[in-house]
Full PDB file with SEQRES, HELIX, SHEET, SSBOND, CRYST1, ORIGX, SCALE, CONECT and MASTER records, all heavy atoms in Angstrom:
SEQRES   1 A   41  GLY ILE ALA PRO TYR GLY ALA GLU PRO TRP LEU ALA PHE          
SEQRES   2 A   41  LEU MET ALA SER LEU SER LEU GLY PHE VAL ASN ALA LEU          
SEQRES   3 A   41  ILE LYS PRO VAL VAL THR LEU ILE SER ILE PRO ALA THR          
SEQRES   4 A   41  ILE VAL                                                      
HELIX    1 AA1 PRO A    9  LEU A   26  1                                  18    
HELIX    2 AA2 LYS A   28  ILE A   34  1                                   7    
HELIX    3 AA3 ILE A   36  ILE A   40  1                                   5    
CRYST1    1.000    1.000    1.000  90.00  90.00  90.00 P 1           1          
ORIGX1      1.000000  0.000000  0.000000        0.00000                         
ORIGX2      0.000000  1.000000  0.000000        0.00000                         
ORIGX3      0.000000  0.000000  1.000000        0.00000                         
SCALE1      1.000000  0.000000  0.000000        0.00000                         
SCALE2      0.000000  1.000000  0.000000        0.00000                         
SCALE3      0.000000  0.000000  1.000000        0.00000                         
ATOM      1  N   GLY A   1      -7.866   3.228  15.111  1.00  0.00           N  
ATOM      2  CA  GLY A   1      -8.063   2.034  14.301  1.00  0.00           C  
ATOM      3  C   GLY A   1      -6.834   1.619  13.534  1.00  0.00           C  
ATOM      4  O   GLY A   1      -6.870   0.647  12.790  1.00  0.00           O  
ATOM      5  N   ILE A   2      -5.720   2.336  13.705  1.00  0.00           N  
ATOM      6  CA  ILE A   2      -4.467   1.961  13.058  1.00  0.00           C  
ATOM      7  C   ILE A   2      -3.417   1.857  14.153  1.00  0.00           C  
ATOM      8  O   ILE A   2      -3.215   2.789  14.923  1.00  0.00           O  
ATOM      9  CB  ILE A   2      -4.048   2.992  12.003  1.00  0.00           C  
ATOM     10  CG1 ILE A   2      -5.103   3.042  10.931  1.00  0.00           C  
ATOM     11  CG2 ILE A   2      -2.678   2.666  11.447  1.00  0.00           C  
ATOM     12  CD1 ILE A   2      -4.789   3.884   9.769  1.00  0.00           C  
ATOM     13  N   ALA A   3      -2.759   0.700  14.223  1.00  0.00           N  
ATOM     14  CA  ALA A   3      -1.795   0.475  15.289  1.00  0.00           C  
ATOM     15  C   ALA A   3      -0.633  -0.362  14.782  1.00  0.00           C  
ATOM     16  O   ALA A   3      -0.807  -1.216  13.908  1.00  0.00           O  
ATOM     17  CB  ALA A   3      -2.467  -0.246  16.456  1.00  0.00           C  
ATOM     18  N   PRO A   4       0.564  -0.127  15.333  1.00  0.00           N  
ATOM     19  CA  PRO A   4       1.705  -0.968  14.966  1.00  0.00           C  
ATOM     20  C   PRO A   4       1.523  -2.379  15.500  1.00  0.00           C  
ATOM     21  O   PRO A   4       0.837  -2.593  16.503  1.00  0.00           O  
ATOM     22  CB  PRO A   4       2.896  -0.263  15.620  1.00  0.00           C  
ATOM     23  CG  PRO A   4       2.321   0.597  16.679  1.00  0.00           C  
ATOM     24  CD  PRO A   4       0.918   0.922  16.278  1.00  0.00           C  
ATOM     25  N   TYR A   5       2.142  -3.345  14.822  1.00  0.00           N  
ATOM     26  CA  TYR A   5       1.970  -4.743  15.197  1.00  0.00           C  
ATOM     27  C   TYR A   5       3.272  -5.507  14.978  1.00  0.00           C  
ATOM     28  O   TYR A   5       3.954  -5.314  13.978  1.00  0.00           O  
ATOM     29  CB  TYR A   5       0.869  -5.383  14.333  1.00  0.00           C  
ATOM     30  CG  TYR A   5       0.745  -6.870  14.499  1.00  0.00           C  
ATOM     31  CD1 TYR A   5       0.033  -7.398  15.557  1.00  0.00           C  
ATOM     32  CD2 TYR A   5       1.366  -7.739  13.614  1.00  0.00           C  
ATOM     33  CE1 TYR A   5      -0.076  -8.771  15.719  1.00  0.00           C  
ATOM     34  CE2 TYR A   5       1.262  -9.104  13.765  1.00  0.00           C  
ATOM     35  CZ  TYR A   5       0.543  -9.619  14.824  1.00  0.00           C  
ATOM     36  OH  TYR A   5       0.446 -10.965  14.993  1.00  0.00           O  
ATOM     37  N   GLY A   6       3.606  -6.382  15.908  1.00  0.00           N  
ATOM     38  CA  GLY A   6       4.634  -7.374  15.704  1.00  0.00           C  
ATOM     39  C   GLY A   6       6.061  -6.987  16.007  1.00  0.00           C  
ATOM     40  O   GLY A   6       6.930  -7.833  15.959  1.00  0.00           O  
ATOM     41  N   ALA A   7       6.333  -5.728  16.290  1.00  0.00           N  
ATOM     42  CA  ALA A   7       7.703  -5.308  16.569  1.00  0.00           C  
ATOM     43  C   ALA A   7       7.645  -3.953  17.268  1.00  0.00           C  
ATOM     44  O   ALA A   7       6.559  -3.453  17.581  1.00  0.00           O  
ATOM     45  CB  ALA A   7       8.503  -5.208  15.277  1.00  0.00           C  
ATOM     46  N   GLU A   8       8.804  -3.388  17.488  1.00  0.00           N  
ATOM     47  CA  GLU A   8       8.849  -2.016  17.995  1.00  0.00           C  
ATOM     48  C   GLU A   8       8.098  -1.128  17.006  1.00  0.00           C  
ATOM     49  O   GLU A   8       8.140  -1.380  15.795  1.00  0.00           O  
ATOM     50  CB  GLU A   8      10.300  -1.541  18.112  1.00  0.00           C  
ATOM     51  CG  GLU A   8      11.105  -2.255  19.155  1.00  0.00           C  
ATOM     52  CD  GLU A   8      10.643  -1.931  20.560  1.00  0.00           C  
ATOM     53  OE1 GLU A   8      10.287  -0.770  20.834  1.00  0.00           O  
ATOM     54  OE2 GLU A   8      10.633  -2.845  21.393  1.00  0.00           O  
ATOM     55  N   PRO A   9       7.415  -0.097  17.490  1.00  0.00           N  
ATOM     56  CA  PRO A   9       6.627   0.736  16.573  1.00  0.00           C  
ATOM     57  C   PRO A   9       7.422   1.296  15.389  1.00  0.00           C  
ATOM     58  O   PRO A   9       6.932   1.280  14.263  1.00  0.00           O  
ATOM     59  CB  PRO A   9       6.103   1.855  17.469  1.00  0.00           C  
ATOM     60  CG  PRO A   9       6.017   1.234  18.818  1.00  0.00           C  
ATOM     61  CD  PRO A   9       7.186   0.284  18.887  1.00  0.00           C  
ATOM     62  N   TRP A  10       8.644   1.748  15.614  1.00  0.00           N  
ATOM     63  CA  TRP A  10       9.405   2.330  14.507  1.00  0.00           C  
ATOM     64  C   TRP A  10       9.695   1.280  13.429  1.00  0.00           C  
ATOM     65  O   TRP A  10       9.647   1.578  12.237  1.00  0.00           O  
ATOM     66  CB  TRP A  10      10.700   2.977  15.002  1.00  0.00           C  
ATOM     67  CG  TRP A  10      11.701   2.005  15.568  1.00  0.00           C  
ATOM     68  CD1 TRP A  10      11.811   1.602  16.860  1.00  0.00           C  
ATOM     69  CD2 TRP A  10      12.710   1.301  14.842  1.00  0.00           C  
ATOM     70  NE1 TRP A  10      12.824   0.687  16.993  1.00  0.00           N  
ATOM     71  CE2 TRP A  10      13.406   0.485  15.769  1.00  0.00           C  
ATOM     72  CE3 TRP A  10      13.103   1.270  13.510  1.00  0.00           C  
ATOM     73  CZ2 TRP A  10      14.455  -0.343  15.405  1.00  0.00           C  
ATOM     74  CZ3 TRP A  10      14.153   0.442  13.152  1.00  0.00           C  
ATOM     75  CH2 TRP A  10      14.819  -0.349  14.091  1.00  0.00           C  
ATOM     76  N   LEU A  11       9.953   0.048  13.840  1.00  0.00           N  
ATOM     77  CA  LEU A  11      10.200  -1.027  12.882  1.00  0.00           C  
ATOM     78  C   LEU A  11       8.909  -1.432  12.167  1.00  0.00           C  
ATOM     79  O   LEU A  11       8.918  -1.705  10.962  1.00  0.00           O  
ATOM     80  CB  LEU A  11      10.828  -2.234  13.587  1.00  0.00           C  
ATOM     81  CG  LEU A  11      11.257  -3.388  12.698  1.00  0.00           C  
ATOM     82  CD1 LEU A  11      12.293  -2.925  11.674  1.00  0.00           C  
ATOM     83  CD2 LEU A  11      11.819  -4.515  13.538  1.00  0.00           C  
ATOM     84  N   ALA A  12       7.800  -1.430  12.898  1.00  0.00           N  
ATOM     85  CA  ALA A  12       6.510  -1.746  12.283  1.00  0.00           C  
ATOM     86  C   ALA A  12       6.155  -0.711  11.221  1.00  0.00           C  
ATOM     87  O   ALA A  12       5.695  -1.067  10.129  1.00  0.00           O  
ATOM     88  CB  ALA A  12       5.427  -1.813  13.353  1.00  0.00           C  
ATOM     89  N   PHE A  13       6.396   0.559  11.518  1.00  0.00           N  
ATOM     90  CA  PHE A  13       6.108   1.610  10.535  1.00  0.00           C  
ATOM     91  C   PHE A  13       7.036   1.508   9.328  1.00  0.00           C  
ATOM     92  O   PHE A  13       6.617   1.726   8.190  1.00  0.00           O  
ATOM     93  CB  PHE A  13       6.217   2.997  11.176  1.00  0.00           C  
ATOM     94  CG  PHE A  13       5.219   3.233  12.275  1.00  0.00           C  
ATOM     95  CD1 PHE A  13       5.600   3.857  13.456  1.00  0.00           C  
ATOM     96  CD2 PHE A  13       3.897   2.843  12.147  1.00  0.00           C  
ATOM     97  CE1 PHE A  13       4.689   4.075  14.471  1.00  0.00           C  
ATOM     98  CE2 PHE A  13       2.979   3.053  13.158  1.00  0.00           C  
ATOM     99  CZ  PHE A  13       3.375   3.672  14.322  1.00  0.00           C  
ATOM    100  N   LEU A  14       8.278   1.142   9.562  1.00  0.00           N  
ATOM    101  CA  LEU A  14       9.225   0.965   8.462  1.00  0.00           C  
ATOM    102  C   LEU A  14       8.824  -0.208   7.574  1.00  0.00           C  
ATOM    103  O   LEU A  14       8.866  -0.109   6.342  1.00  0.00           O  
ATOM    104  CB  LEU A  14      10.638   0.766   9.008  1.00  0.00           C  
ATOM    105  CG  LEU A  14      11.761   0.782   7.994  1.00  0.00           C  
ATOM    106  CD1 LEU A  14      11.831   2.136   7.293  1.00  0.00           C  
ATOM    107  CD2 LEU A  14      13.076   0.477   8.674  1.00  0.00           C  
ATOM    108  N   MET A  15       8.394  -1.320   8.175  1.00  0.00           N  
ATOM    109  CA  MET A  15       7.956  -2.486   7.383  1.00  0.00           C  
ATOM    110  C   MET A  15       6.683  -2.157   6.595  1.00  0.00           C  
ATOM    111  O   MET A  15       6.532  -2.575   5.444  1.00  0.00           O  
ATOM    112  CB  MET A  15       7.719  -3.693   8.284  1.00  0.00           C  
ATOM    113  CG  MET A  15       8.967  -4.263   8.922  1.00  0.00           C  
ATOM    114  SD  MET A  15      10.181  -4.820   7.725  1.00  0.00           S  
ATOM    115  CE  MET A  15      11.466  -3.612   7.950  1.00  0.00           C  
ATOM    116  N   ALA A  16       5.776  -1.407   7.212  1.00  0.00           N  
ATOM    117  CA  ALA A  16       4.565  -0.992   6.498  1.00  0.00           C  
ATOM    118  C   ALA A  16       4.929  -0.079   5.327  1.00  0.00           C  
ATOM    119  O   ALA A  16       4.344  -0.181   4.243  1.00  0.00           O  
ATOM    120  CB  ALA A  16       3.616  -0.285   7.451  1.00  0.00           C  
ATOM    121  N   SER A  17       5.904   0.791   5.531  1.00  0.00           N  
ATOM    122  CA  SER A  17       6.353   1.684   4.466  1.00  0.00           C  
ATOM    123  C   SER A  17       6.982   0.906   3.314  1.00  0.00           C  
ATOM    124  O   SER A  17       6.725   1.195   2.139  1.00  0.00           O  
ATOM    125  CB  SER A  17       7.353   2.692   5.040  1.00  0.00           C  
ATOM    126  OG  SER A  17       7.909   3.471   4.025  1.00  0.00           O  
ATOM    127  N   LEU A  18       7.789  -0.089   3.633  1.00  0.00           N  
ATOM    128  CA  LEU A  18       8.391  -0.922   2.584  1.00  0.00           C  
ATOM    129  C   LEU A  18       7.333  -1.686   1.795  1.00  0.00           C  
ATOM    130  O   LEU A  18       7.391  -1.753   0.563  1.00  0.00           O  
ATOM    131  CB  LEU A  18       9.390  -1.904   3.193  1.00  0.00           C  
ATOM    132  CG  LEU A  18      10.737  -1.328   3.607  1.00  0.00           C  
ATOM    133  CD1 LEU A  18      11.536  -2.353   4.396  1.00  0.00           C  
ATOM    134  CD2 LEU A  18      11.513  -0.874   2.391  1.00  0.00           C  
ATOM    135  N   SER A  19       6.357  -2.251   2.498  1.00  0.00           N  
ATOM    136  CA  SER A  19       5.314  -2.988   1.788  1.00  0.00           C  
ATOM    137  C   SER A  19       4.427  -2.045   0.979  1.00  0.00           C  
ATOM    138  O   SER A  19       3.969  -2.400  -0.102  1.00  0.00           O  
ATOM    139  CB  SER A  19       4.492  -3.843   2.749  1.00  0.00           C  
ATOM    140  OG  SER A  19       3.838  -3.048   3.689  1.00  0.00           O  
ATOM    141  N   LEU A  20       4.223  -0.822   1.465  1.00  0.00           N  
ATOM    142  CA  LEU A  20       3.446   0.161   0.701  1.00  0.00           C  
ATOM    143  C   LEU A  20       4.186   0.555  -0.574  1.00  0.00           C  
ATOM    144  O   LEU A  20       3.574   0.682  -1.644  1.00  0.00           O  
ATOM    145  CB  LEU A  20       3.153   1.390   1.562  1.00  0.00           C  
ATOM    146  CG  LEU A  20       2.204   2.429   0.981  1.00  0.00           C  
ATOM    147  CD1 LEU A  20       0.839   1.814   0.706  1.00  0.00           C  
ATOM    148  CD2 LEU A  20       2.072   3.593   1.943  1.00  0.00           C  
ATOM    149  N   GLY A  21       5.490   0.710  -0.484  1.00  0.00           N  
ATOM    150  CA  GLY A  21       6.283   0.990  -1.680  1.00  0.00           C  
ATOM    151  C   GLY A  21       6.216  -0.142  -2.688  1.00  0.00           C  
ATOM    152  O   GLY A  21       6.088   0.079  -3.898  1.00  0.00           O  
ATOM    153  N   PHE A  22       6.281  -1.379  -2.206  1.00  0.00           N  
ATOM    154  CA  PHE A  22       6.173  -2.557  -3.063  1.00  0.00           C  
ATOM    155  C   PHE A  22       4.821  -2.601  -3.767  1.00  0.00           C  
ATOM    156  O   PHE A  22       4.735  -2.789  -4.982  1.00  0.00           O  
ATOM    157  CB  PHE A  22       6.389  -3.813  -2.222  1.00  0.00           C  
ATOM    158  CG  PHE A  22       6.058  -5.093  -2.912  1.00  0.00           C  
ATOM    159  CD1 PHE A  22       6.924  -5.640  -3.833  1.00  0.00           C  
ATOM    160  CD2 PHE A  22       4.866  -5.752  -2.650  1.00  0.00           C  
ATOM    161  CE1 PHE A  22       6.623  -6.825  -4.487  1.00  0.00           C  
ATOM    162  CE2 PHE A  22       4.552  -6.932  -3.292  1.00  0.00           C  
ATOM    163  CZ  PHE A  22       5.435  -7.469  -4.212  1.00  0.00           C  
ATOM    164  N   VAL A  23       3.754  -2.402  -2.990  1.00  0.00           N  
ATOM    165  CA  VAL A  23       2.395  -2.447  -3.544  1.00  0.00           C  
ATOM    166  C   VAL A  23       2.188  -1.326  -4.557  1.00  0.00           C  
ATOM    167  O   VAL A  23       1.635  -1.543  -5.635  1.00  0.00           O  
ATOM    168  CB  VAL A  23       1.350  -2.382  -2.407  1.00  0.00           C  
ATOM    169  CG1 VAL A  23      -0.038  -2.089  -2.936  1.00  0.00           C  
ATOM    170  CG2 VAL A  23       1.349  -3.677  -1.618  1.00  0.00           C  
ATOM    171  N   ASN A  24       2.642  -0.117  -4.215  1.00  0.00           N  
ATOM    172  CA  ASN A  24       2.461   1.007  -5.131  1.00  0.00           C  
ATOM    173  C   ASN A  24       3.271   0.867  -6.407  1.00  0.00           C  
ATOM    174  O   ASN A  24       2.862   1.367  -7.455  1.00  0.00           O  
ATOM    175  CB  ASN A  24       2.819   2.321  -4.432  1.00  0.00           C  
ATOM    176  CG  ASN A  24       1.726   2.790  -3.505  1.00  0.00           C  
ATOM    177  OD1 ASN A  24       0.575   2.384  -3.615  1.00  0.00           O  
ATOM    178  ND2 ASN A  24       2.086   3.647  -2.572  1.00  0.00           N  
ATOM    179  N   ALA A  25       4.392   0.179  -6.347  1.00  0.00           N  
ATOM    180  CA  ALA A  25       5.221   0.012  -7.535  1.00  0.00           C  
ATOM    181  C   ALA A  25       4.741  -1.122  -8.441  1.00  0.00           C  
ATOM    182  O   ALA A  25       4.805  -0.997  -9.668  1.00  0.00           O  
ATOM    183  CB  ALA A  25       6.672  -0.241  -7.128  1.00  0.00           C  
ATOM    184  N   LEU A  26       4.254  -2.221  -7.854  1.00  0.00           N  
ATOM    185  CA  LEU A  26       3.945  -3.389  -8.662  1.00  0.00           C  
ATOM    186  C   LEU A  26       2.461  -3.652  -8.892  1.00  0.00           C  
ATOM    187  O   LEU A  26       2.072  -4.085  -9.974  1.00  0.00           O  
ATOM    188  CB  LEU A  26       4.576  -4.639  -8.020  1.00  0.00           C  
ATOM    189  CG  LEU A  26       6.100  -4.621  -7.923  1.00  0.00           C  
ATOM    190  CD1 LEU A  26       6.590  -5.868  -7.219  1.00  0.00           C  
ATOM    191  CD2 LEU A  26       6.718  -4.493  -9.292  1.00  0.00           C  
ATOM    192  N   ILE A  27       1.642  -3.415  -7.900  1.00  0.00           N  
ATOM    193  CA  ILE A  27       0.235  -3.807  -7.995  1.00  0.00           C  
ATOM    194  C   ILE A  27      -0.666  -2.634  -8.360  1.00  0.00           C  
ATOM    195  O   ILE A  27      -1.588  -2.779  -9.169  1.00  0.00           O  
ATOM    196  CB  ILE A  27      -0.216  -4.470  -6.680  1.00  0.00           C  
ATOM    197  CG1 ILE A  27       0.641  -5.723  -6.437  1.00  0.00           C  
ATOM    198  CG2 ILE A  27      -1.698  -4.806  -6.703  1.00  0.00           C  
ATOM    199  CD1 ILE A  27       0.499  -6.326  -5.084  1.00  0.00           C  
ATOM    200  N   LYS A  28      -0.395  -1.468  -7.810  1.00  0.00           N  
ATOM    201  CA  LYS A  28      -1.264  -0.321  -8.044  1.00  0.00           C  
ATOM    202  C   LYS A  28      -1.398   0.065  -9.521  1.00  0.00           C  
ATOM    203  O   LYS A  28      -2.505   0.383  -9.966  1.00  0.00           O  
ATOM    204  CB  LYS A  28      -0.806   0.882  -7.225  1.00  0.00           C  
ATOM    205  CG  LYS A  28      -1.757   2.047  -7.324  1.00  0.00           C  
ATOM    206  CD  LYS A  28      -1.323   3.199  -6.459  1.00  0.00           C  
ATOM    207  CE  LYS A  28      -2.290   4.360  -6.607  1.00  0.00           C  
ATOM    208  NZ  LYS A  28      -1.828   5.519  -5.861  1.00  0.00           N  
ATOM    209  N   PRO A  29      -0.319   0.040 -10.326  1.00  0.00           N  
ATOM    210  CA  PRO A  29      -0.506   0.381 -11.749  1.00  0.00           C  
ATOM    211  C   PRO A  29      -1.498  -0.535 -12.460  1.00  0.00           C  
ATOM    212  O   PRO A  29      -2.298  -0.077 -13.287  1.00  0.00           O  
ATOM    213  CB  PRO A  29       0.902   0.242 -12.337  1.00  0.00           C  
ATOM    214  CG  PRO A  29       1.813   0.435 -11.191  1.00  0.00           C  
ATOM    215  CD  PRO A  29       1.097  -0.132 -10.009  1.00  0.00           C  
ATOM    216  N   VAL A  30      -1.478  -1.818 -12.144  1.00  0.00           N  
ATOM    217  CA  VAL A  30      -2.404  -2.766 -12.773  1.00  0.00           C  
ATOM    218  C   VAL A  30      -3.835  -2.482 -12.330  1.00  0.00           C  
ATOM    219  O   VAL A  30      -4.761  -2.425 -13.160  1.00  0.00           O  
ATOM    220  CB  VAL A  30      -1.999  -4.222 -12.442  1.00  0.00           C  
ATOM    221  CG1 VAL A  30      -3.016  -5.203 -12.975  1.00  0.00           C  
ATOM    222  CG2 VAL A  30      -0.615  -4.526 -12.962  1.00  0.00           C  
ATOM    223  N   VAL A  31      -4.040  -2.267 -11.040  1.00  0.00           N  
ATOM    224  CA  VAL A  31      -5.377  -1.987 -10.518  1.00  0.00           C  
ATOM    225  C   VAL A  31      -5.890  -0.651 -11.065  1.00  0.00           C  
ATOM    226  O   VAL A  31      -7.066  -0.521 -11.411  1.00  0.00           O  
ATOM    227  CB  VAL A  31      -5.370  -2.000  -8.970  1.00  0.00           C  
ATOM    228  CG1 VAL A  31      -6.706  -1.565  -8.410  1.00  0.00           C  
ATOM    229  CG2 VAL A  31      -5.005  -3.379  -8.459  1.00  0.00           C  
ATOM    230  N   THR A  32      -5.003   0.332 -11.170  1.00  0.00           N  
ATOM    231  CA  THR A  32      -5.401   1.628 -11.721  1.00  0.00           C  
ATOM    232  C   THR A  32      -5.830   1.490 -13.174  1.00  0.00           C  
ATOM    233  O   THR A  32      -6.831   2.084 -13.594  1.00  0.00           O  
ATOM    234  CB  THR A  32      -4.248   2.639 -11.591  1.00  0.00           C  
ATOM    235  OG1 THR A  32      -3.919   2.797 -10.211  1.00  0.00           O  
ATOM    236  CG2 THR A  32      -4.623   3.992 -12.171  1.00  0.00           C  
ATOM    237  N   LEU A  33      -5.105   0.700 -13.934  1.00  0.00           N  
ATOM    238  CA  LEU A  33      -5.458   0.479 -15.336  1.00  0.00           C  
ATOM    239  C   LEU A  33      -6.813  -0.208 -15.464  1.00  0.00           C  
ATOM    240  O   LEU A  33      -7.654   0.182 -16.287  1.00  0.00           O  
ATOM    241  CB  LEU A  33      -4.369  -0.345 -16.021  1.00  0.00           C  
ATOM    242  CG  LEU A  33      -4.510  -0.552 -17.515  1.00  0.00           C  
ATOM    243  CD1 LEU A  33      -4.411   0.776 -18.237  1.00  0.00           C  
ATOM    244  CD2 LEU A  33      -3.443  -1.508 -18.005  1.00  0.00           C  
ATOM    245  N   ILE A  34      -7.047  -1.209 -14.632  1.00  0.00           N  
ATOM    246  CA  ILE A  34      -8.315  -1.934 -14.675  1.00  0.00           C  
ATOM    247  C   ILE A  34      -9.481  -1.035 -14.245  1.00  0.00           C  
ATOM    248  O   ILE A  34     -10.593  -1.169 -14.757  1.00  0.00           O  
ATOM    249  CB  ILE A  34      -8.236  -3.189 -13.776  1.00  0.00           C  
ATOM    250  CG1 ILE A  34      -7.262  -4.193 -14.385  1.00  0.00           C  
ATOM    251  CG2 ILE A  34      -9.601  -3.819 -13.576  1.00  0.00           C  
ATOM    252  CD1 ILE A  34      -6.912  -5.344 -13.474  1.00  0.00           C  
ATOM    253  N   SER A  35      -9.215  -0.108 -13.329  1.00  0.00           N  
ATOM    254  CA  SER A  35     -10.292   0.721 -12.786  1.00  0.00           C  
ATOM    255  C   SER A  35     -10.500   2.028 -13.536  1.00  0.00           C  
ATOM    256  O   SER A  35     -11.238   2.901 -13.053  1.00  0.00           O  
ATOM    257  CB  SER A  35     -10.016   1.020 -11.314  1.00  0.00           C  
ATOM    258  OG  SER A  35      -8.895   1.866 -11.185  1.00  0.00           O  
ATOM    259  N   ILE A  36      -9.911   2.185 -14.716  1.00  0.00           N  
ATOM    260  CA  ILE A  36     -10.080   3.424 -15.473  1.00  0.00           C  
ATOM    261  C   ILE A  36     -11.554   3.754 -15.744  1.00  0.00           C  
ATOM    262  O   ILE A  36     -11.964   4.899 -15.562  1.00  0.00           O  
ATOM    263  CB  ILE A  36      -9.261   3.396 -16.782  1.00  0.00           C  
ATOM    264  CG1 ILE A  36      -7.783   3.611 -16.447  1.00  0.00           C  
ATOM    265  CG2 ILE A  36      -9.726   4.460 -17.764  1.00  0.00           C  
ATOM    266  CD1 ILE A  36      -6.855   3.498 -17.637  1.00  0.00           C  
ATOM    267  N   PRO A  37     -12.391   2.793 -16.151  1.00  0.00           N  
ATOM    268  CA  PRO A  37     -13.800   3.153 -16.377  1.00  0.00           C  
ATOM    269  C   PRO A  37     -14.487   3.717 -15.124  1.00  0.00           C  
ATOM    270  O   PRO A  37     -15.191   4.724 -15.200  1.00  0.00           O  
ATOM    271  CB  PRO A  37     -14.445   1.835 -16.808  1.00  0.00           C  
ATOM    272  CG  PRO A  37     -13.328   1.037 -17.376  1.00  0.00           C  
ATOM    273  CD  PRO A  37     -12.126   1.411 -16.575  1.00  0.00           C  
ATOM    274  N   ALA A  38     -14.275   3.094 -13.982  1.00  0.00           N  
ATOM    275  CA  ALA A  38     -14.888   3.588 -12.743  1.00  0.00           C  
ATOM    276  C   ALA A  38     -14.313   4.948 -12.353  1.00  0.00           C  
ATOM    277  O   ALA A  38     -15.027   5.814 -11.855  1.00  0.00           O  
ATOM    278  CB  ALA A  38     -14.674   2.590 -11.615  1.00  0.00           C  
ATOM    279  N   THR A  39     -13.031   5.147 -12.597  1.00  0.00           N  
ATOM    280  CA  THR A  39     -12.406   6.430 -12.283  1.00  0.00           C  
ATOM    281  C   THR A  39     -12.965   7.531 -13.170  1.00  0.00           C  
ATOM    282  O   THR A  39     -13.215   8.645 -12.698  1.00  0.00           O  
ATOM    283  CB  THR A  39     -10.876   6.327 -12.452  1.00  0.00           C  
ATOM    284  OG1 THR A  39     -10.388   5.284 -11.609  1.00  0.00           O  
ATOM    285  CG2 THR A  39     -10.202   7.625 -12.078  1.00  0.00           C  
ATOM    286  N   ILE A  40     -13.199   7.233 -14.434  1.00  0.00           N  
ATOM    287  CA  ILE A  40     -13.764   8.233 -15.350  1.00  0.00           C  
ATOM    288  C   ILE A  40     -15.200   8.565 -14.953  1.00  0.00           C  
ATOM    289  O   ILE A  40     -15.586   9.747 -14.896  1.00  0.00           O  
ATOM    290  CB  ILE A  40     -13.687   7.738 -16.806  1.00  0.00           C  
ATOM    291  CG1 ILE A  40     -12.223   7.720 -17.263  1.00  0.00           C  
ATOM    292  CG2 ILE A  40     -14.535   8.610 -17.732  1.00  0.00           C  
ATOM    293  CD1 ILE A  40     -12.000   7.057 -18.603  1.00  0.00           C  
ATOM    294  N   VAL A  41     -15.993   7.551 -14.666  1.00  0.00           N  
ATOM    295  CA  VAL A  41     -17.396   7.772 -14.303  1.00  0.00           C  
ATOM    296  C   VAL A  41     -17.515   8.610 -13.029  1.00  0.00           C  
ATOM    297  O   VAL A  41     -18.384   9.469 -12.913  1.00  0.00           O  
ATOM    298  CB  VAL A  41     -18.140   6.425 -14.156  1.00  0.00           C  
ATOM    299  CG1 VAL A  41     -19.497   6.591 -13.504  1.00  0.00           C  
ATOM    300  CG2 VAL A  41     -18.276   5.755 -15.502  1.00  0.00           C  
TER     301      VAL A  41                                                      
MASTER        0    0    0    3    0    0    0    6  300    1    0    4          
END                                                                             
């Protein structure tokens, strides 16, 4: 259910890695902060 898309597989994995780094650096802290009550429960 997980497959590379749009380029050579190594480039697709590299682009996914870059976007994952971006998401984890900028968006995940905000979502984690908002989800603290659910995480505690």
